[in-house]
């Protein structure tokens, strides 16, 4: 019987390395780590490819005699998910610190040094009317078994050689905290079933597919390993902006009339772009590398309803030109001492303050900050993540 439609219940998104066989139970077989991870709590996923053609014309003919693909195709993937911990970020290649912050490492250190930059992505689709998740053991467990022949998977879309080009974390009153990731890739493959086909990545020099490794996607599950929290709530989000000249926990941001400790924060948005320049050479069909464009700038925006106002002088603010540390912490719904997610931006600069006041609305202010990403070993500037994975 022909399928009528595909809806969210029948799909799941996975991420894995480009050069490790998913047949093996993972990068670290002794601990039962699955090489391919499911992205949890996905809300949307969009993917496409674009072929750029160049006309070949000649005198004597109006229409082109050919339309040639002159550059490698661009495959795009973007997806968003609800934030409950940093399990997804860890699988995507971000560096997640221990909660004690004993060793600060930039969250994109693995991307910068190429150890976790390139990934394969998979969108699995099962039979109409069936949930993709199955009741069973999480694939991180030592007792994980591969899905059997009776599994309901009908097709898998594989996206090979994927590079993250942007990341955004945001939350607001009345909405769950979310994260959005954008990816550019080199190849897309559509296969039947969820196992037995080759990984979708290609050799970037000549475009030949990798044939050494085969794919076996794990069984889908409802929650990430080691954490049964379904989602974090706006009531568990705190935002702190601290002058780095003060000890942590000291004076909060109170420049130019805004006292953050008294402001009623409504939303936050943290994002950065990893723009990529494709490096090409003669004799190569694909770009042999897609290098990050530097500098990488992190932007953070905090919107709040204004409470108590303070004094301030723009001239004094320019002279001081202070650095700030921004902390956005997402805490356990049942225990505020347990921090599931901690976003920390070091040495942020204030770029602008925007006040808004109108009849019927509360007076509000938007604070816009920016900082730059340092090298993989630089721990005094940039964007850091810590929490539960």
Protein backbone atom coordinates (compact mmCIF):
# COMPACT_ATOMS: atom_id res chain seq x y z
CA UNK A 1 0.00 0.00 0.00
CA UNK A 2 1.32 3.42 -0.95
CA UNK A 3 2.32 5.73 1.84
CA UNK A 4 0.09 8.79 2.27
CA UNK A 5 2.39 11.03 4.29
CA UNK A 6 5.36 11.29 6.66
CA UNK A 7 4.93 13.02 10.03
CA UNK A 8 7.19 13.63 13.02
CA UNK A 9 6.33 10.40 14.84
CA UNK A 10 8.00 8.33 12.13
CA UNK A 11 11.32 10.17 11.90
CA UNK A 12 14.47 10.50 13.99
CA UNK A 13 17.75 12.37 13.54
CA UNK A 14 21.18 10.85 14.25
CA UNK A 15 24.76 12.09 14.13
CA UNK A 16 27.97 10.10 13.83
CA UNK A 17 31.62 10.30 12.79
CA UNK A 18 32.65 10.26 9.16
CA UNK A 19 35.24 7.50 9.44
CA UNK A 20 34.10 5.09 12.17
CA UNK A 21 31.99 2.04 11.37
CA UNK A 22 28.66 2.00 13.16
CA UNK A 23 28.81 -1.80 12.96
CA UNK A 24 31.32 -1.59 15.76
CA UNK A 25 29.57 -0.61 18.95
CA UNK A 26 31.53 2.55 18.93
CA UNK A 27 34.62 4.60 19.36
CA UNK A 28 35.18 3.03 22.76
CA UNK A 29 33.93 -0.53 22.57
CA UNK A 30 35.00 -1.35 26.13
CA UNK A 31 32.42 1.11 27.45
CA UNK A 32 29.71 0.24 24.94
CA UNK A 33 29.70 3.74 23.43
CA UNK A 34 27.67 3.88 20.24
CA UNK A 35 29.45 5.62 17.37
CA UNK A 36 26.15 7.06 16.14
CA UNK A 37 24.08 9.17 18.55
CA UNK A 38 20.43 10.10 18.37
CA UNK A 39 19.68 13.83 18.57
CA UNK A 40 17.12 14.11 21.36
CA UNK A 41 13.90 16.16 21.47
CA UNK A 42 14.10 17.33 17.86
CA UNK A 43 11.38 19.82 16.91
CA UNK A 44 12.24 20.43 13.25
CA UNK A 45 14.69 19.25 10.61
CA UNK A 46 15.13 20.68 7.12
CA UNK A 47 17.58 19.60 4.46
CA UNK A 48 18.26 20.46 0.84
CA UNK A 49 20.93 20.51 -1.84
CA UNK A 50 21.86 23.11 -4.39
CA UNK A 51 23.61 22.51 -7.72
CA UNK A 52 25.27 25.56 -9.22
CA UNK A 53 25.55 25.39 -13.00
CA UNK A 54 27.42 27.57 -15.43
CA UNK A 55 26.25 28.11 -18.98
CA UNK A 56 28.56 27.22 -21.85
CA UNK A 57 27.76 29.55 -24.76
CA UNK A 58 29.28 30.13 -28.15
CA UNK A 59 28.88 32.49 -31.08
CA UNK A 60 26.21 31.38 -33.52
CA UNK A 61 23.80 29.83 -30.99
CA UNK A 62 21.35 31.64 -28.73
CA UNK A 63 20.90 28.84 -26.19
CA UNK A 64 23.82 27.47 -24.23
CA UNK A 65 25.36 24.31 -25.65
CA UNK A 66 25.69 22.91 -22.13
CA UNK A 67 25.07 23.80 -18.49
CA UNK A 68 27.90 22.37 -16.43
CA UNK A 69 28.17 21.81 -12.70
CA UNK A 70 31.40 23.71 -12.11
CA UNK A 71 31.59 23.61 -8.32
CA UNK A 72 30.77 21.01 -5.71
CA UNK A 73 27.11 20.85 -4.61
CA UNK A 74 26.16 22.35 -1.26
CA UNK A 75 24.00 20.24 1.02
CA UNK A 76 22.29 22.10 3.85
CA UNK A 77 20.79 20.78 7.06
CA UNK A 78 19.26 22.74 9.90
CA UNK A 79 17.47 21.39 12.95
CA UNK A 80 16.21 22.58 16.31
CA UNK A 81 15.59 20.76 19.59
CA UNK A 82 14.41 21.36 23.12
CA UNK A 83 17.19 21.72 25.67
CA UNK A 84 17.21 19.39 28.68
CA UNK A 85 20.97 18.88 28.99
CA UNK A 86 24.08 18.98 26.80
CA UNK A 87 23.84 15.42 25.47
CA UNK A 88 23.12 16.66 21.95
CA UNK A 89 25.95 19.19 22.03
CA UNK A 90 28.40 16.51 23.10
CA UNK A 91 27.34 14.27 20.20
CA UNK A 92 27.59 17.16 17.73
CA UNK A 93 31.26 17.67 18.60
CA UNK A 94 31.13 20.49 21.14
CA UNK A 95 33.39 20.28 24.19
CA UNK A 96 31.28 20.04 27.36
CA UNK A 97 33.04 20.76 30.65
CA UNK A 98 32.52 19.18 34.04
CA UNK A 99 30.21 21.11 36.32
CA UNK A 100 33.09 22.14 38.60
CA UNK A 101 34.77 24.14 35.75
CA UNK A 102 38.12 22.74 36.87
CA UNK A 103 39.55 23.02 33.37
CA UNK A 104 38.14 25.66 31.02
CA UNK A 105 38.21 24.60 27.38
CA UNK A 106 36.39 26.41 24.59
CA UNK A 107 33.19 24.65 23.55
CA UNK A 108 34.43 24.57 19.94
CA UNK A 109 37.97 23.44 20.72
CA UNK A 110 37.35 20.06 19.04
CA UNK A 111 36.00 21.83 15.95
CA UNK A 112 38.98 24.16 15.81
CA UNK A 113 41.57 21.40 16.08
CA UNK A 114 39.63 19.12 13.68
CA UNK A 115 39.08 16.26 16.14
CA UNK A 116 35.28 16.62 16.04
CA UNK A 117 34.63 19.01 13.17
CA UNK A 118 33.28 16.72 10.46
CA UNK A 119 30.18 14.56 11.03
CA UNK A 120 27.69 12.39 9.21
CA UNK A 121 23.96 12.91 9.81
CA UNK A 122 21.10 10.48 9.30
CA UNK A 123 17.33 10.97 9.11
CA UNK A 124 15.59 7.63 9.62
CA UNK A 125 11.97 7.09 8.58
CA UNK A 126 9.84 4.14 9.71
CA UNK A 127 6.50 2.79 8.49
CA UNK A 128 3.48 5.05 8.44
CA UNK A 129 1.63 5.11 11.76
CA UNK A 130 4.58 3.67 13.74
CA UNK A 131 6.70 5.47 16.34
CA UNK A 132 10.39 5.54 15.47
CA UNK A 133 11.41 4.95 19.09
CA UNK A 134 11.36 1.39 20.36
CA UNK A 135 11.05 0.05 23.88
CA UNK A 136 14.45 -1.26 24.84
CA UNK A 137 17.90 -0.50 26.14
CA UNK A 138 19.56 2.81 25.32
CA UNK A 139 22.40 2.37 22.77
CA UNK A 140 24.94 3.70 25.29
CA UNK A 141 24.28 0.69 27.49
CA UNK A 142 26.70 -2.25 27.59
CA UNK A 143 23.74 -4.49 26.76
CA UNK A 144 22.89 -2.65 23.57
CA UNK A 145 21.87 -4.90 20.69
CA UNK A 146 21.42 -3.93 17.09
CA UNK A 147 17.90 -3.72 15.66
CA UNK A 148 16.75 -6.99 14.18
CA UNK A 149 15.23 -7.84 10.85
CA UNK A 150 11.76 -6.99 12.15
CA UNK A 151 12.66 -3.32 12.65
CA UNK A 152 10.23 -0.97 10.95
CA UNK A 153 12.74 1.32 9.23
CA UNK A 154 11.85 1.99 5.61
CA UNK A 155 14.46 4.52 4.53
CA UNK A 156 17.38 6.59 5.73
CA UNK A 157 18.65 9.86 4.35
CA UNK A 158 22.39 10.18 4.91
CA UNK A 159 24.17 13.52 4.85
CA UNK A 160 27.93 13.17 4.56
CA UNK A 161 30.87 15.41 5.51
CA UNK A 162 28.76 17.84 7.53
CA UNK A 163 30.30 20.95 9.12
CA UNK A 164 28.47 23.08 11.68
CA UNK A 165 28.11 26.64 10.39
CA UNK A 166 26.07 28.18 13.22
CA UNK A 167 24.69 27.45 16.68
CA UNK A 168 21.99 29.33 18.58
CA UNK A 169 20.68 28.80 22.10
CA UNK A 170 17.64 30.78 23.18
CA UNK A 171 14.90 30.87 25.74
CA UNK A 172 12.07 33.18 26.73
CA UNK A 173 9.17 33.50 29.11
CA UNK A 174 6.36 31.19 27.98
CA UNK A 175 8.60 28.99 25.82
CA UNK A 176 10.94 26.08 26.41
CA UNK A 177 14.68 26.70 25.97
CA UNK A 178 15.77 25.57 22.51
CA UNK A 179 18.88 25.21 20.39
CA UNK A 180 19.23 25.51 16.62
CA UNK A 181 22.09 24.12 14.54
CA UNK A 182 22.93 24.76 10.88
CA UNK A 183 25.14 22.40 8.89
CA UNK A 184 26.74 22.47 5.46
CA UNK A 185 27.75 19.15 3.92
CA UNK A 186 29.20 17.64 0.75
CA UNK A 187 26.92 14.72 -0.02
CA UNK A 188 23.41 13.30 0.39
CA UNK A 189 22.38 9.66 -0.03
CA UNK A 190 18.95 8.03 0.28
CA UNK A 191 18.97 4.35 1.28
CA UNK A 192 16.34 1.77 2.12
CA UNK A 193 16.22 0.41 5.67
CA UNK A 194 18.40 1.45 8.61
CA UNK A 195 21.42 -0.79 8.15
CA UNK A 196 23.72 -2.42 5.66
CA UNK A 197 24.47 0.62 3.50
CA UNK A 198 27.72 2.56 3.31
CA UNK A 199 28.32 5.78 5.21
CA UNK A 200 27.38 8.90 3.18
CA UNK A 201 30.71 10.73 3.47
CA UNK A 202 32.97 11.11 0.44
CA UNK A 203 36.62 11.77 -0.22
CA UNK A 204 36.66 15.56 -0.63
CA UNK A 205 39.51 15.44 -3.14
CA UNK A 206 37.73 13.51 -5.87
CA UNK A 207 34.20 12.91 -4.57
CA UNK A 208 34.56 9.14 -4.37
CA UNK A 209 32.37 7.58 -1.64
CA UNK A 210 33.81 5.93 1.45
CA UNK A 211 33.14 2.20 1.19
CA UNK A 212 35.09 0.84 4.15
CA UNK A 213 32.33 1.33 6.73
CA UNK A 214 28.68 0.32 6.89
CA UNK A 215 25.85 1.85 8.89
CA UNK A 216 23.67 0.32 11.60
CA UNK A 217 21.51 2.97 13.23
CA UNK A 218 20.66 2.47 16.92
CA UNK A 219 17.12 1.94 18.12
CA UNK A 220 15.45 5.25 18.94
CA UNK A 221 14.70 6.08 22.56
CA UNK A 222 12.70 8.76 24.37
CA UNK A 223 15.33 10.31 26.65
CA UNK A 224 19.07 10.77 26.70
CA UNK A 225 21.31 8.58 28.79
CA UNK A 226 21.82 9.43 32.46
CA UNK A 227 18.97 11.95 32.56
CA UNK A 228 15.22 11.42 32.57
CA UNK A 229 14.31 15.14 32.57
CA UNK A 230 11.97 15.70 29.65
CA UNK A 231 12.59 19.42 29.24
CA UNK A 232 13.77 22.47 31.14
CA UNK A 233 11.41 25.31 31.92
CA UNK A 234 11.70 29.13 31.83
CA UNK A 235 11.30 29.23 35.61
CA UNK A 236 14.59 27.34 35.99
CA UNK A 237 16.64 29.80 33.86
CA UNK A 238 18.88 32.42 35.47
CA UNK A 239 20.97 35.07 33.72
CA UNK A 240 23.90 36.82 35.40
CA UNK A 241 26.12 39.53 33.92
CA UNK A 242 29.21 40.21 36.01
CA UNK A 243 31.96 42.78 35.62
CA UNK A 244 35.17 40.75 35.29
CA UNK A 245 36.93 43.32 37.45
CA UNK A 246 34.77 42.03 40.30
CA UNK A 247 34.98 38.61 41.87
CA UNK A 248 32.32 36.21 40.61
CA UNK A 249 29.20 36.77 42.63
CA UNK A 250 30.14 40.43 43.06
CA UNK A 251 28.70 43.50 41.40
CA UNK A 252 26.18 42.77 38.66
CA UNK A 253 25.86 44.77 35.46
CA UNK A 254 24.44 48.21 36.31
CA UNK A 255 25.71 50.48 33.56
CA UNK A 256 23.63 53.28 32.04
CA UNK A 257 20.51 52.92 34.15
CA UNK A 258 20.11 49.13 34.06
CA UNK A 259 20.35 47.09 37.24
CA UNK A 260 20.27 43.47 36.07
CA UNK A 261 19.75 42.12 39.59
CA UNK A 262 16.41 43.95 39.66
CA UNK A 263 15.45 43.57 35.98
CA UNK A 264 12.76 41.07 35.03
CA UNK A 265 14.54 39.11 32.31
CA UNK A 266 12.26 37.97 29.50
CA UNK A 267 14.59 36.24 27.05
CA UNK A 268 18.15 35.37 26.10
CA UNK A 269 19.78 34.53 22.79
CA UNK A 270 23.34 33.27 22.36
CA UNK A 271 24.70 32.50 18.91
CA UNK A 272 27.81 32.25 16.80
CA UNK A 273 28.53 31.60 13.13
CA UNK A 274 31.27 29.37 11.80
CA UNK A 275 31.48 30.68 8.27
CA UNK A 276 33.34 28.31 5.96
CA UNK A 277 35.55 29.06 2.97
CA UNK A 278 35.87 26.13 0.56
CA UNK A 279 39.48 25.61 -0.51
CA UNK A 280 39.75 24.23 -4.03
CA UNK A 281 42.56 23.16 -6.31
CA UNK A 282 43.04 21.95 -9.86
CA UNK A 283 42.35 18.26 -10.26
CA UNK A 284 39.79 18.13 -7.45
CA UNK A 285 36.02 17.95 -8.02
CA UNK A 286 35.23 18.95 -4.46
CA UNK A 287 36.74 21.49 -2.12
CA UNK A 288 39.54 19.60 -0.38
CA UNK A 289 38.84 21.52 2.85
CA UNK A 290 36.24 23.88 4.29
CA UNK A 291 38.11 26.14 6.68
CA UNK A 292 36.53 28.40 9.29
CA UNK A 293 36.56 32.14 8.64
CA UNK A 294 38.13 33.99 11.56
CA UNK A 295 37.54 35.80 13.78
CA UNK A 296 34.54 33.92 15.18
CA UNK A 297 32.26 36.28 17.09
CA UNK A 298 29.79 35.19 19.76
CA UNK A 299 26.76 37.42 20.19
CA UNK A 300 24.47 37.46 23.22
CA UNK A 301 21.25 39.38 23.61
CA UNK A 302 19.30 39.73 26.87
CA UNK A 303 15.87 41.35 26.97
CA UNK A 304 14.33 42.42 30.26
CA UNK A 305 11.49 44.45 31.69
CA UNK A 306 13.09 47.37 33.49
CA UNK A 307 12.81 47.42 37.26
CA UNK A 308 14.88 49.78 39.37
CA UNK A 309 16.90 52.33 37.39
CA UNK A 310 20.44 53.39 38.26
CA UNK A 311 22.58 56.35 37.35
CA UNK A 312 25.07 56.21 34.51
CA UNK A 313 27.20 58.25 32.14
CA UNK A 314 28.05 57.10 28.63
CA UNK A 315 31.37 59.01 28.69
CA UNK A 316 32.42 57.16 31.84
CA UNK A 317 31.33 53.88 30.31
CA UNK A 318 33.48 54.47 27.22
CA UNK A 319 36.48 55.29 29.37
CA UNK A 320 36.09 52.17 31.49
CA UNK A 321 35.13 49.87 28.57
CA UNK A 322 34.68 46.96 30.96
CA UNK A 323 34.72 43.25 30.16
CA UNK A 324 31.79 41.15 31.33
CA UNK A 325 31.17 37.50 32.02
CA UNK A 326 27.71 36.25 31.03
CA UNK A 327 26.22 33.19 32.74
CA UNK A 328 23.02 31.56 31.49
CA UNK A 329 22.17 28.61 33.73
CA UNK A 330 19.36 26.11 33.20
CA UNK A 331 18.61 24.25 36.41
CA UNK A 332 16.88 21.03 37.44
CA UNK A 333 13.09 21.56 37.67
CA UNK A 334 13.01 19.85 41.09
CA UNK A 335 16.34 20.98 42.53
CA UNK A 336 17.78 24.41 41.77
CA UNK A 337 21.22 23.37 43.01
CA UNK A 338 21.61 20.96 40.07
CA UNK A 339 22.63 22.79 36.89
CA UNK A 340 21.81 20.88 33.72
CA UNK A 341 23.18 23.50 31.31
CA UNK A 342 25.62 26.33 31.97
CA UNK A 343 26.46 28.70 29.11
CA UNK A 344 29.38 30.97 29.98
CA UNK A 345 30.74 33.77 27.79
CA UNK A 346 34.04 35.30 28.93
CA UNK A 347 35.30 38.80 28.16
CA UNK A 348 32.12 40.00 26.52
CA UNK A 349 31.85 43.64 25.50
CA UNK A 350 28.64 45.66 25.61
CA UNK A 351 27.71 46.74 22.07
CA UNK A 352 24.37 48.43 22.65
CA UNK A 353 21.46 49.11 24.97
CA UNK A 354 18.01 49.55 23.48
CA UNK A 355 15.17 50.95 25.61
CA UNK A 356 11.55 50.64 24.56
CA UNK A 357 8.48 52.16 26.16
CA UNK A 358 4.91 52.41 24.84
CA UNK A 359 1.35 52.71 26.08
CA UNK A 360 0.10 49.32 27.20
CA UNK A 361 3.60 47.76 27.37
CA UNK A 362 6.14 47.44 30.12
CA UNK A 363 9.31 49.45 29.70
CA UNK A 364 11.95 47.08 28.40
CA UNK A 365 15.64 47.07 27.63
CA UNK A 366 17.70 44.89 25.32
CA UNK A 367 21.39 44.42 26.09
CA UNK A 368 23.59 43.25 23.22
CA UNK A 369 27.03 41.80 23.95
CA UNK A 370 29.75 40.22 21.82
CA UNK A 371 32.94 38.29 22.40
CA UNK A 372 35.44 36.42 20.25
CA UNK A 373 36.46 32.78 20.30
CA UNK A 374 40.05 32.12 21.27
CA UNK A 375 42.28 29.19 20.38
CA UNK A 376 41.56 25.62 21.57
CA UNK A 377 43.77 26.09 24.65
CA UNK A 378 42.80 29.69 25.44
CA UNK A 379 40.60 29.66 28.53
CA UNK A 380 40.17 33.33 29.40
CA UNK A 381 37.98 34.38 26.46
CA UNK A 382 35.21 32.82 24.41
CA UNK A 383 32.18 30.56 24.86
CA UNK A 384 32.13 27.63 27.28
CA UNK A 385 29.54 24.94 28.01
CA UNK A 386 29.21 22.76 31.09
CA UNK A 387 26.51 20.52 32.50
CA UNK A 388 24.95 17.10 32.19
CA UNK A 389 25.60 14.96 29.14
